[in-house]
Amino acid sequence: MELKSLKKKYKDKKFAAGCSREIIEKGAEMLGWTLDELLTRTLDAMKSVEDSVNAQFNCE
């Protein structure tokens, strides 16, 4: 997923409905990051472990 797609989904209250956007934004602020930076770093971290997660759960 690209940042642009995530930001579009993030605006939809149905996407990740159980997550508090206020807390996510506060976390970014506490780290001294913009929301875009937090989302980008999160996506990058997820991409970095994608192969190992897929292998562990036999997802292809």
C-alpha atoms as a PDB file:
ATOM      1  CA  MET A   1       0.000   0.000   0.000  1.00  0.00           C
ATOM      2  CA  GLU A   2       1.220   3.468  -0.807  1.00  0.00           C
ATOM      3  CA  LEU A   3       0.966   6.484   1.499  1.00  0.00           C
ATOM      4  CA  LYS A   4      -1.538   8.188  -0.802  1.00  0.00           C
ATOM      5  CA  SER A   5      -3.882   5.176  -0.594  1.00  0.00           C
ATOM      6  CA  LEU A   6      -3.528   4.905   3.174  1.00  0.00           C
ATOM      7  CA  LYS A   7      -4.280   8.595   3.664  1.00  0.00           C
ATOM      8  CA  LYS A   8      -7.418   8.263   1.550  1.00  0.00           C
ATOM      9  CA  LYS A   9      -8.572   5.233   3.582  1.00  0.00           C
ATOM     10  CA  TYR A  10      -7.597   6.950   6.849  1.00  0.00           C
ATOM     11  CA  LYS A  11     -10.192   9.654   6.188  1.00  0.00           C
ATOM     12  CA  ASP A  12     -12.959   7.028   6.040  1.00  0.00           C
ATOM     13  CA  LYS A  13     -14.251   6.410   9.577  1.00  0.00           C
ATOM     14  CA  LYS A  14     -15.093   2.798   8.606  1.00  0.00           C
ATOM     15  CA  PHE A  15     -11.412   2.055   7.943  1.00  0.00           C
ATOM     16  CA  ALA A  16      -9.771   0.846  11.161  1.00  0.00           C
ATOM     17  CA  ALA A  17     -12.941   1.845  12.972  1.00  0.00           C
ATOM     18  CA  GLY A  18     -11.642   0.553  16.302  1.00  0.00           C
ATOM     19  CA  CYS A  19      -8.580   2.798  16.222  1.00  0.00           C
ATOM     20  CA  SER A  20      -8.572   6.273  17.683  1.00  0.00           C
ATOM     21  CA  ARG A  21      -7.264   8.743  15.135  1.00  0.00           C
ATOM     22  CA  GLU A  22      -6.770  11.192  17.995  1.00  0.00           C
ATOM     23  CA  ILE A  23      -4.358   8.801  19.706  1.00  0.00           C
ATOM     24  CA  ILE A  24      -2.525   8.079  16.436  1.00  0.00           C
ATOM     25  CA  GLU A  25      -2.102  11.793  15.767  1.00  0.00           C
ATOM     26  CA  LYS A  26      -1.039  12.443  19.369  1.00  0.00           C
ATOM     27  CA  GLY A  27       1.550   9.666  19.072  1.00  0.00           C
ATOM     28  CA  ALA A  28       2.994  11.240  15.934  1.00  0.00           C
ATOM     29  CA  GLU A  29       3.130  14.585  17.727  1.00  0.00           C
ATOM     30  CA  MET A  30       4.870  13.037  20.744  1.00  0.00           C
ATOM     31  CA  LEU A  31       7.507  11.582  18.417  1.00  0.00           C
ATOM     32  CA  GLY A  32       7.983  14.947  16.762  1.00  0.00           C
ATOM     33  CA  TRP A  33       6.745  13.553  13.445  1.00  0.00           C
ATOM     34  CA  THR A  34       4.027  14.614  11.064  1.00  0.00           C
ATOM     35  CA  LEU A  35       1.158  12.213  10.514  1.00  0.00           C
ATOM     36  CA  ASP A  36       2.532  11.533   7.016  1.00  0.00           C
ATOM     37  CA  GLU A  37       5.907  10.596   8.502  1.00  0.00           C
ATOM     38  CA  LEU A  38       4.305   8.247  11.026  1.00  0.00           C
ATOM     39  CA  LEU A  39       2.220   6.562   8.340  1.00  0.00           C
ATOM     40  CA  THR A  40       5.204   6.281   5.984  1.00  0.00           C
ATOM     41  CA  ARG A  41       7.432   4.769   8.679  1.00  0.00           C
ATOM     42  CA  THR A  42       4.668   2.356   9.653  1.00  0.00           C
ATOM     43  CA  LEU A  43       4.179   1.233   6.057  1.00  0.00           C
ATOM     44  CA  ASP A  44       7.944   0.835   5.606  1.00  0.00           C
ATOM     45  CA  ALA A  45       8.194  -1.257   8.779  1.00  0.00           C
ATOM     46  CA  MET A  46       5.338  -3.474   7.652  1.00  0.00           C
ATOM     47  CA  LYS A  47       6.925  -3.921   4.216  1.00  0.00           C
ATOM     48  CA  SER A  48      10.242  -4.889   5.823  1.00  0.00           C
ATOM     49  CA  VAL A  49       8.678  -7.889   7.593  1.00  0.00           C
ATOM     50  CA  GLU A  50       6.104  -8.834   4.955  1.00  0.00           C
ATOM     51  CA  ASP A  51       8.038 -11.830   3.613  1.00  0.00           C
ATOM     52  CA  SER A  52       8.686 -13.320   7.039  1.00  0.00           C
ATOM     53  CA  VAL A  53       5.045 -12.889   8.091  1.00  0.00           C
ATOM     54  CA  ASN A  54       3.839 -14.469   4.865  1.00  0.00           C
ATOM     55  CA  ALA A  55       6.247 -17.375   5.336  1.00  0.00           C
ATOM     56  CA  GLN A  56       5.160 -17.915   8.930  1.00  0.00           C
ATOM     57  CA  PHE A  57       1.504 -18.064   7.977  1.00  0.00           C
ATOM     58  CA  ASN A  58       2.041 -19.686   4.578  1.00  0.00           C
ATOM     59  CA  CYS A  59       0.470 -16.727   2.776  1.00  0.00           C
ATOM     60  CA  GLU A  60       1.440 -16.198  -0.809  1.00  0.00           C
END
